[in-house]
Amino acid sequence: MEDNSIGSEILVKSQNFNINVKRVIAFFIDLITFAVFPIIINVLEDIIGKKIISSDVLFYATTFFYLFKDLFNSSGSFGKKTMNLTIINSSNQGISFSLKKVLRNITNFIWPIEGIFILLTKQRLSDRLLNIDVINNNQ
């Protein structure tokens, strides 16, 4: 009988690598999506030669939508949906899942700390604190 533990370990590491790559790509898709809105507004303002929206309102609107991006569909953000990922609630205890989806995005604003935490633990700080996982829908 052959021992498949090494093969299983390689498969698990490959799947973890795959989901981590997909999460990074989803993150950049979301960043691009949210960067496009202010760019379009600025281009329109240049074309018509008139201010459409104040810089403060544009900043706060973009920040608001970024914080709430995971509520727009059941999978999570546009990037997660595109990469076939879904946010799941690992624990049904505590605060509501919708609130968890919003709170998890607050740590994006301290991305250097979040990045170091991901490198050390393979999980986002907010996901660990809120008992949230991101899963690959292909599995």
N, C-alpha and C. Protein backbone atom coordinates (compact mmCIF):
# COMPACT_ATOMS: atom_id res chain seq x y z
N MET A 1 0.84 -1.18 0.00
CA MET A 1 0.00 0.00 0.00
C MET A 1 0.89 1.25 0.00
N GLU A 2 0.54 2.21 -0.82
CA GLU A 2 1.34 3.42 -0.98
C GLU A 2 0.87 4.51 -0.03
N ASP A 3 1.84 5.24 0.53
CA ASP A 3 1.52 6.35 1.44
C ASP A 3 1.26 7.61 0.62
N ASN A 4 0.04 8.13 0.69
CA ASN A 4 -0.34 9.32 -0.08
C ASN A 4 -0.24 10.60 0.73
N SER A 5 0.34 10.56 1.93
CA SER A 5 0.37 11.76 2.76
C SER A 5 1.18 12.88 2.13
N ILE A 6 2.27 12.52 1.44
CA ILE A 6 3.08 13.55 0.78
C ILE A 6 2.30 14.15 -0.39
N GLY A 7 1.64 13.32 -1.16
CA GLY A 7 0.82 13.81 -2.27
C GLY A 7 -0.32 14.68 -1.79
N SER A 8 -0.95 14.29 -0.68
CA SER A 8 -2.04 15.09 -0.11
C SER A 8 -1.53 16.43 0.39
N GLU A 9 -0.35 16.42 1.01
CA GLU A 9 0.23 17.66 1.52
C GLU A 9 0.55 18.61 0.37
N ILE A 10 1.09 18.08 -0.72
CA ILE A 10 1.39 18.91 -1.89
C ILE A 10 0.11 19.49 -2.48
N LEU A 11 -0.95 18.68 -2.56
CA LEU A 11 -2.23 19.14 -3.09
C LEU A 11 -2.80 20.27 -2.24
N VAL A 12 -2.75 20.12 -0.91
CA VAL A 12 -3.26 21.15 -0.01
C VAL A 12 -2.46 22.44 -0.18
N LYS A 13 -1.13 22.33 -0.23
CA LYS A 13 -0.30 23.53 -0.42
C LYS A 13 -0.59 24.18 -1.76
N SER A 14 -0.81 23.38 -2.80
CA SER A 14 -1.13 23.91 -4.12
C SER A 14 -2.47 24.64 -4.10
N GLN A 15 -3.46 24.07 -3.41
CA GLN A 15 -4.77 24.71 -3.31
C GLN A 15 -4.68 26.01 -2.52
N ASN A 16 -3.90 26.02 -1.43
CA ASN A 16 -3.72 27.24 -0.64
C ASN A 16 -3.03 28.31 -1.46
N PHE A 17 -2.02 27.91 -2.24
CA PHE A 17 -1.33 28.87 -3.11
C PHE A 17 -2.31 29.42 -4.13
N ASN A 18 -3.11 28.54 -4.72
CA ASN A 18 -4.08 28.95 -5.73
C ASN A 18 -5.07 29.96 -5.17
N ILE A 19 -5.63 29.69 -4.00
CA ILE A 19 -6.61 30.62 -3.43
C ILE A 19 -5.94 31.93 -3.03
N ASN A 20 -4.71 31.88 -2.54
CA ASN A 20 -4.01 33.11 -2.19
C ASN A 20 -3.73 33.97 -3.42
N VAL A 21 -3.36 33.34 -4.52
CA VAL A 21 -3.14 34.07 -5.78
C VAL A 21 -4.46 34.68 -6.24
N LYS A 22 -5.53 33.90 -6.17
CA LYS A 22 -6.85 34.41 -6.57
C LYS A 22 -7.29 35.57 -5.68
N ARG A 23 -6.98 35.50 -4.40
CA ARG A 23 -7.34 36.60 -3.49
C ARG A 23 -6.57 37.87 -3.82
N VAL A 24 -5.30 37.74 -4.16
CA VAL A 24 -4.50 38.91 -4.53
C VAL A 24 -5.04 39.52 -5.82
N ILE A 25 -5.36 38.68 -6.80
CA ILE A 25 -5.92 39.18 -8.06
C ILE A 25 -7.26 39.86 -7.79
N ALA A 26 -8.10 39.26 -6.96
CA ALA A 26 -9.40 39.85 -6.61
C ALA A 26 -9.21 41.21 -5.94
N PHE A 27 -8.22 41.31 -5.07
CA PHE A 27 -7.91 42.58 -4.39
C PHE A 27 -7.57 43.66 -5.41
N PHE A 28 -6.72 43.32 -6.40
CA PHE A 28 -6.34 44.30 -7.41
C PHE A 28 -7.51 44.65 -8.33
N ILE A 29 -8.37 43.69 -8.64
CA ILE A 29 -9.57 43.99 -9.42
C ILE A 29 -10.42 45.00 -8.67
N ASP A 30 -10.60 44.80 -7.38
CA ASP A 30 -11.37 45.76 -6.57
C ASP A 30 -10.71 47.13 -6.54
N LEU A 31 -9.40 47.18 -6.39
CA LEU A 31 -8.70 48.47 -6.38
C LEU A 31 -8.89 49.20 -7.70
N ILE A 32 -8.74 48.48 -8.79
CA ILE A 32 -8.92 49.10 -10.11
C ILE A 32 -10.35 49.59 -10.27
N THR A 33 -11.31 48.77 -9.84
CA THR A 33 -12.72 49.15 -9.94
C THR A 33 -12.99 50.45 -9.20
N PHE A 34 -12.45 50.58 -8.00
CA PHE A 34 -12.70 51.77 -7.20
C PHE A 34 -11.84 52.96 -7.63
N ALA A 35 -10.74 52.71 -8.33
CA ALA A 35 -9.92 53.81 -8.85
C ALA A 35 -10.53 54.41 -10.11
N VAL A 36 -11.29 53.60 -10.85
CA VAL A 36 -11.87 54.05 -12.11
C VAL A 36 -12.91 55.16 -11.88
N PHE A 37 -13.72 55.05 -10.85
CA PHE A 37 -14.78 56.02 -10.60
C PHE A 37 -14.25 57.45 -10.46
N PRO A 38 -13.27 57.71 -9.58
CA PRO A 38 -12.74 59.08 -9.50
C PRO A 38 -12.07 59.54 -10.80
N ILE A 39 -11.43 58.61 -11.50
CA ILE A 39 -10.78 58.97 -12.76
C ILE A 39 -11.82 59.42 -13.79
N ILE A 40 -12.92 58.68 -13.89
CA ILE A 40 -13.99 59.06 -14.82
C ILE A 40 -14.55 60.43 -14.47
N ILE A 41 -14.78 60.67 -13.20
CA ILE A 41 -15.29 61.98 -12.77
C ILE A 41 -14.32 63.09 -13.16
N ASN A 42 -13.03 62.88 -12.90
CA ASN A 42 -12.02 63.90 -13.23
C ASN A 42 -11.94 64.15 -14.74
N VAL A 43 -12.02 63.09 -15.54
CA VAL A 43 -11.99 63.25 -17.00
C VAL A 43 -13.21 64.02 -17.47
N LEU A 44 -14.40 63.67 -16.93
CA LEU A 44 -15.62 64.40 -17.30
C LEU A 44 -15.52 65.87 -16.92
N GLU A 45 -14.97 66.14 -15.76
CA GLU A 45 -14.81 67.54 -15.32
C GLU A 45 -13.87 68.30 -16.26
N ASP A 46 -12.81 67.63 -16.71
CA ASP A 46 -11.89 68.27 -17.65
C ASP A 46 -12.57 68.53 -19.00
N ILE A 47 -13.39 67.59 -19.44
CA ILE A 47 -14.07 67.73 -20.74
C ILE A 47 -15.08 68.88 -20.71
N ILE A 48 -15.90 68.92 -19.67
CA ILE A 48 -16.94 69.96 -19.63
C ILE A 48 -16.43 71.26 -19.01
N GLY A 49 -15.27 71.22 -18.39
CA GLY A 49 -14.69 72.42 -17.81
C GLY A 49 -15.42 72.92 -16.58
N LYS A 50 -16.11 72.03 -15.92
CA LYS A 50 -16.88 72.42 -14.74
C LYS A 50 -16.76 71.32 -13.68
N LYS A 51 -16.73 71.74 -12.43
CA LYS A 51 -16.66 70.79 -11.31
C LYS A 51 -18.01 70.09 -11.15
N ILE A 52 -18.02 68.77 -11.20
CA ILE A 52 -19.25 67.99 -11.05
C ILE A 52 -19.52 67.69 -9.58
N ILE A 53 -18.46 67.33 -8.88
CA ILE A 53 -18.59 66.91 -7.49
C ILE A 53 -17.35 67.37 -6.74
N SER A 54 -17.51 67.74 -5.50
CA SER A 54 -16.34 68.20 -4.73
C SER A 54 -15.41 67.03 -4.45
N SER A 55 -14.14 67.33 -4.30
CA SER A 55 -13.14 66.31 -4.02
C SER A 55 -13.44 65.57 -2.72
N ASP A 56 -13.94 66.30 -1.72
CA ASP A 56 -14.28 65.67 -0.44
C ASP A 56 -15.41 64.66 -0.61
N VAL A 57 -16.46 65.05 -1.32
CA VAL A 57 -17.59 64.15 -1.52
C VAL A 57 -17.15 62.93 -2.32
N LEU A 58 -16.33 63.13 -3.33
CA LEU A 58 -15.82 62.03 -4.14
C LEU A 58 -14.99 61.07 -3.28
N PHE A 59 -14.13 61.62 -2.43
CA PHE A 59 -13.31 60.79 -1.54
C PHE A 59 -14.19 59.98 -0.59
N TYR A 60 -15.15 60.65 0.06
CA TYR A 60 -16.00 59.95 1.03
C TYR A 60 -16.90 58.92 0.36
N ALA A 61 -17.41 59.22 -0.82
CA ALA A 61 -18.25 58.27 -1.55
C ALA A 61 -17.45 57.03 -1.94
N THR A 62 -16.24 57.24 -2.44
CA THR A 62 -15.39 56.11 -2.82
C THR A 62 -15.02 55.27 -1.59
N THR A 63 -14.68 55.91 -0.49
CA THR A 63 -14.36 55.20 0.75
C THR A 63 -15.56 54.42 1.25
N PHE A 64 -16.74 55.03 1.23
CA PHE A 64 -17.97 54.38 1.67
C PHE A 64 -18.23 53.12 0.84
N PHE A 65 -18.16 53.25 -0.48
CA PHE A 65 -18.42 52.09 -1.34
C PHE A 65 -17.36 51.02 -1.17
N TYR A 66 -16.11 51.41 -0.90
CA TYR A 66 -15.05 50.43 -0.68
C TYR A 66 -15.31 49.64 0.61
N LEU A 67 -15.73 50.32 1.65
CA LEU A 67 -16.02 49.63 2.91
C LEU A 67 -17.18 48.65 2.76
N PHE A 68 -18.15 49.00 1.95
CA PHE A 68 -19.35 48.18 1.80
C PHE A 68 -19.31 47.28 0.56
N LYS A 69 -18.17 47.16 -0.09
CA LYS A 69 -18.06 46.43 -1.35
C LYS A 69 -18.44 44.95 -1.25
N ASP A 70 -18.26 44.35 -0.10
CA ASP A 70 -18.57 42.93 0.04
C ASP A 70 -20.05 42.65 0.25
N LEU A 71 -20.86 43.69 0.37
CA LEU A 71 -22.31 43.52 0.55
C LEU A 71 -23.08 43.56 -0.77
N PHE A 72 -22.43 43.94 -1.86
CA PHE A 72 -23.14 44.15 -3.12
C PHE A 72 -23.64 42.86 -3.76
N ASN A 73 -23.04 41.73 -3.46
CA ASN A 73 -23.58 40.44 -3.90
C ASN A 73 -23.20 39.37 -2.88
N SER A 74 -23.78 38.20 -3.01
CA SER A 74 -23.61 37.17 -1.98
C SER A 74 -22.18 36.65 -1.90
N SER A 75 -21.41 36.69 -2.98
CA SER A 75 -20.03 36.20 -2.97
C SER A 75 -19.09 37.13 -2.24
N GLY A 76 -19.39 38.40 -2.30
CA GLY A 76 -18.49 39.42 -1.76
C GLY A 76 -18.33 40.50 -2.79
N SER A 77 -17.13 40.98 -2.96
CA SER A 77 -16.88 42.09 -3.89
C SER A 77 -16.89 41.62 -5.35
N PHE A 78 -16.82 42.59 -6.25
CA PHE A 78 -16.74 42.29 -7.69
C PHE A 78 -15.50 41.46 -7.99
N GLY A 79 -14.38 41.79 -7.35
CA GLY A 79 -13.16 41.03 -7.56
C GLY A 79 -13.29 39.58 -7.11
N LYS A 80 -13.91 39.37 -5.96
CA LYS A 80 -14.11 38.00 -5.46
C LYS A 80 -15.04 37.22 -6.39
N LYS A 81 -16.11 37.86 -6.83
CA LYS A 81 -17.04 37.20 -7.75
C LYS A 81 -16.34 36.84 -9.05
N THR A 82 -15.53 37.76 -9.57
CA THR A 82 -14.78 37.52 -10.80
C THR A 82 -13.82 36.34 -10.65
N MET A 83 -13.19 36.23 -9.49
CA MET A 83 -12.21 35.17 -9.25
C MET A 83 -12.85 33.90 -8.66
N ASN A 84 -14.18 33.88 -8.59
CA ASN A 84 -14.93 32.71 -8.12
C ASN A 84 -14.61 32.38 -6.66
N LEU A 85 -14.54 33.41 -5.83
CA LEU A 85 -14.30 33.27 -4.39
C LEU A 85 -15.55 33.72 -3.65
N THR A 86 -15.74 33.19 -2.45
CA THR A 86 -16.89 33.57 -1.62
C THR A 86 -16.43 33.76 -0.18
N ILE A 87 -16.98 34.79 0.46
CA ILE A 87 -16.74 35.01 1.89
C ILE A 87 -17.74 34.17 2.66
N ILE A 88 -17.25 33.41 3.65
CA ILE A 88 -18.16 32.62 4.48
C ILE A 88 -17.94 32.96 5.95
N ASN A 89 -18.96 32.74 6.72
CA ASN A 89 -18.93 32.97 8.16
C ASN A 89 -18.48 31.68 8.84
N SER A 90 -17.28 31.67 9.42
CA SER A 90 -16.76 30.48 10.08
C SER A 90 -17.46 30.19 11.39
N SER A 91 -18.02 31.22 11.99
CA SER A 91 -18.69 31.09 13.28
C SER A 91 -19.99 31.86 13.24
N ASN A 92 -21.05 31.25 13.67
CA ASN A 92 -22.34 31.92 13.69
C ASN A 92 -22.56 32.70 14.98
N GLN A 93 -21.52 32.80 15.79
CA GLN A 93 -21.64 33.52 17.05
C GLN A 93 -21.25 34.97 16.86
N GLY A 94 -21.76 35.82 17.72
CA GLY A 94 -21.35 37.22 17.72
C GLY A 94 -22.16 38.08 16.77
N ILE A 95 -21.48 39.04 16.15
CA ILE A 95 -22.15 40.04 15.34
C ILE A 95 -22.64 39.46 14.01
N SER A 96 -23.54 40.18 13.36
CA SER A 96 -24.14 39.69 12.12
C SER A 96 -23.07 39.56 11.03
N PHE A 97 -23.33 38.65 10.09
CA PHE A 97 -22.40 38.39 9.00
C PHE A 97 -22.25 39.61 8.10
N SER A 98 -23.33 40.34 7.86
CA SER A 98 -23.25 41.55 7.03
C SER A 98 -22.33 42.58 7.67
N LEU A 99 -22.44 42.76 8.96
CA LEU A 99 -21.56 43.71 9.66
C LEU A 99 -20.11 43.23 9.60
N LYS A 100 -19.89 41.92 9.71
CA LYS A 100 -18.54 41.37 9.60
C LYS A 100 -17.94 41.68 8.24
N LYS A 101 -18.77 41.59 7.18
CA LYS A 101 -18.29 41.88 5.83
C LYS A 101 -17.82 43.33 5.70
N VAL A 102 -18.46 44.23 6.42
CA VAL A 102 -18.05 45.64 6.39
C VAL A 102 -16.80 45.84 7.25
N LEU A 103 -16.82 45.30 8.46
CA LEU A 103 -15.69 45.49 9.39
C LEU A 103 -14.39 44.93 8.84
N ARG A 104 -14.45 43.85 8.07
CA ARG A 104 -13.23 43.24 7.53
C ARG A 104 -12.49 44.17 6.59
N ASN A 105 -13.20 45.12 5.99
CA ASN A 105 -12.56 46.03 5.03
C ASN A 105 -11.86 47.20 5.69
N ILE A 106 -12.12 47.44 6.96
CA ILE A 106 -11.48 48.56 7.66
C ILE A 106 -9.96 48.35 7.73
N THR A 107 -9.53 47.11 7.89
CA THR A 107 -8.09 46.86 7.99
C THR A 107 -7.37 47.07 6.65
N ASN A 108 -8.10 47.20 5.55
CA ASN A 108 -7.44 47.51 4.27
C ASN A 108 -6.72 48.86 4.33
N PHE A 109 -7.17 49.74 5.21
CA PHE A 109 -6.56 51.05 5.31
C PHE A 109 -5.24 51.03 6.07
N ILE A 110 -4.94 49.89 6.70
CA ILE A 110 -3.62 49.69 7.32
C ILE A 110 -2.93 48.54 6.59
N TRP A 111 -2.93 48.62 5.26
CA TRP A 111 -2.47 47.53 4.42
C TRP A 111 -1.05 47.04 4.71
N PRO A 112 -0.10 47.85 5.15
CA PRO A 112 1.22 47.27 5.45
C PRO A 112 1.14 46.23 6.58
N ILE A 113 0.38 46.54 7.61
CA ILE A 113 0.21 45.59 8.73
C ILE A 113 -0.56 44.37 8.25
N GLU A 114 -1.60 44.60 7.47
CA GLU A 114 -2.40 43.50 6.93
C GLU A 114 -1.53 42.58 6.06
N GLY A 115 -0.68 43.17 5.22
CA GLY A 115 0.20 42.39 4.36
C GLY A 115 1.17 41.52 5.14
N ILE A 116 1.77 42.08 6.18
CA ILE A 116 2.69 41.32 7.03
C ILE A 116 1.94 40.18 7.72
N PHE A 117 0.74 40.46 8.20
CA PHE A 117 -0.06 39.44 8.88
C PHE A 117 -0.40 38.30 7.92
N ILE A 118 -0.74 38.64 6.68
CA ILE A 118 -1.05 37.61 5.68
C ILE A 118 0.18 36.75 5.41
N LEU A 119 1.34 37.37 5.28
CA LEU A 119 2.57 36.60 5.04
C LEU A 119 2.88 35.65 6.19
N LEU A 120 2.61 36.09 7.42
CA LEU A 120 2.93 35.26 8.59
C LEU A 120 1.89 34.18 8.86
N THR A 121 0.61 34.47 8.62
CA THR A 121 -0.45 33.54 9.03
C THR A 121 -1.27 32.97 7.88
N LYS A 122 -1.08 33.47 6.66
CA LYS A 122 -1.86 33.06 5.49
C LYS A 122 -3.33 33.46 5.59
N GLN A 123 -3.61 34.42 6.46
CA GLN A 123 -4.99 34.88 6.65
C GLN A 123 -4.95 36.36 7.01
N ARG A 124 -5.98 37.09 6.58
CA ARG A 124 -6.05 38.51 6.94
C ARG A 124 -6.33 38.65 8.44
N LEU A 125 -5.81 39.72 9.02
CA LEU A 125 -6.04 40.01 10.43
C LEU A 125 -7.53 40.10 10.72
N SER A 126 -8.24 40.85 9.90
CA SER A 126 -9.68 41.03 10.13
C SER A 126 -10.44 39.72 9.99
N ASP A 127 -10.05 38.87 9.04
CA ASP A 127 -10.73 37.59 8.87
C ASP A 127 -10.54 36.70 10.09
N ARG A 128 -9.34 36.74 10.65
CA ARG A 128 -9.08 35.94 11.84
C ARG A 128 -9.87 36.46 13.04
N LEU A 129 -9.87 37.79 13.23
CA LEU A 129 -10.58 38.38 14.37
C LEU A 129 -12.09 38.18 14.27
N LEU A 130 -12.62 38.19 13.05
CA LEU A 130 -14.07 38.11 12.85
C LEU A 130 -14.57 36.70 12.52
N ASN A 131 -13.67 35.72 12.51
CA ASN A 131 -14.03 34.34 12.15
C ASN A 131 -14.68 34.25 10.78
N ILE A 132 -13.98 34.81 9.79
CA ILE A 132 -14.43 34.80 8.41
C ILE A 132 -13.38 34.06 7.58
N ASP A 133 -13.85 33.32 6.57
CA ASP A 133 -12.95 32.67 5.63
C ASP A 133 -13.35 33.06 4.22
N VAL A 134 -12.39 33.02 3.32
CA VAL A 134 -12.68 33.19 1.90
C VAL A 134 -12.37 31.84 1.26
N ILE A 135 -13.36 31.30 0.56
CA ILE A 135 -13.19 29.98 -0.03
C ILE A 135 -13.23 30.07 -1.55
N ASN A 136 -12.62 29.06 -2.17
CA ASN A 136 -12.61 28.92 -3.61
C ASN A 136 -13.86 28.14 -4.00
N ASN A 137 -14.69 28.69 -4.87
CA ASN A 137 -15.93 28.02 -5.27
C ASN A 137 -15.69 26.81 -6.15
N ASN A 138 -14.47 26.63 -6.66
CA ASN A 138 -14.16 25.50 -7.53
C ASN A 138 -13.94 24.20 -6.77
N GLN A 139 -13.84 24.28 -5.46
CA GLN A 139 -13.55 23.07 -4.68
C GLN A 139 -14.80 22.36 -4.27
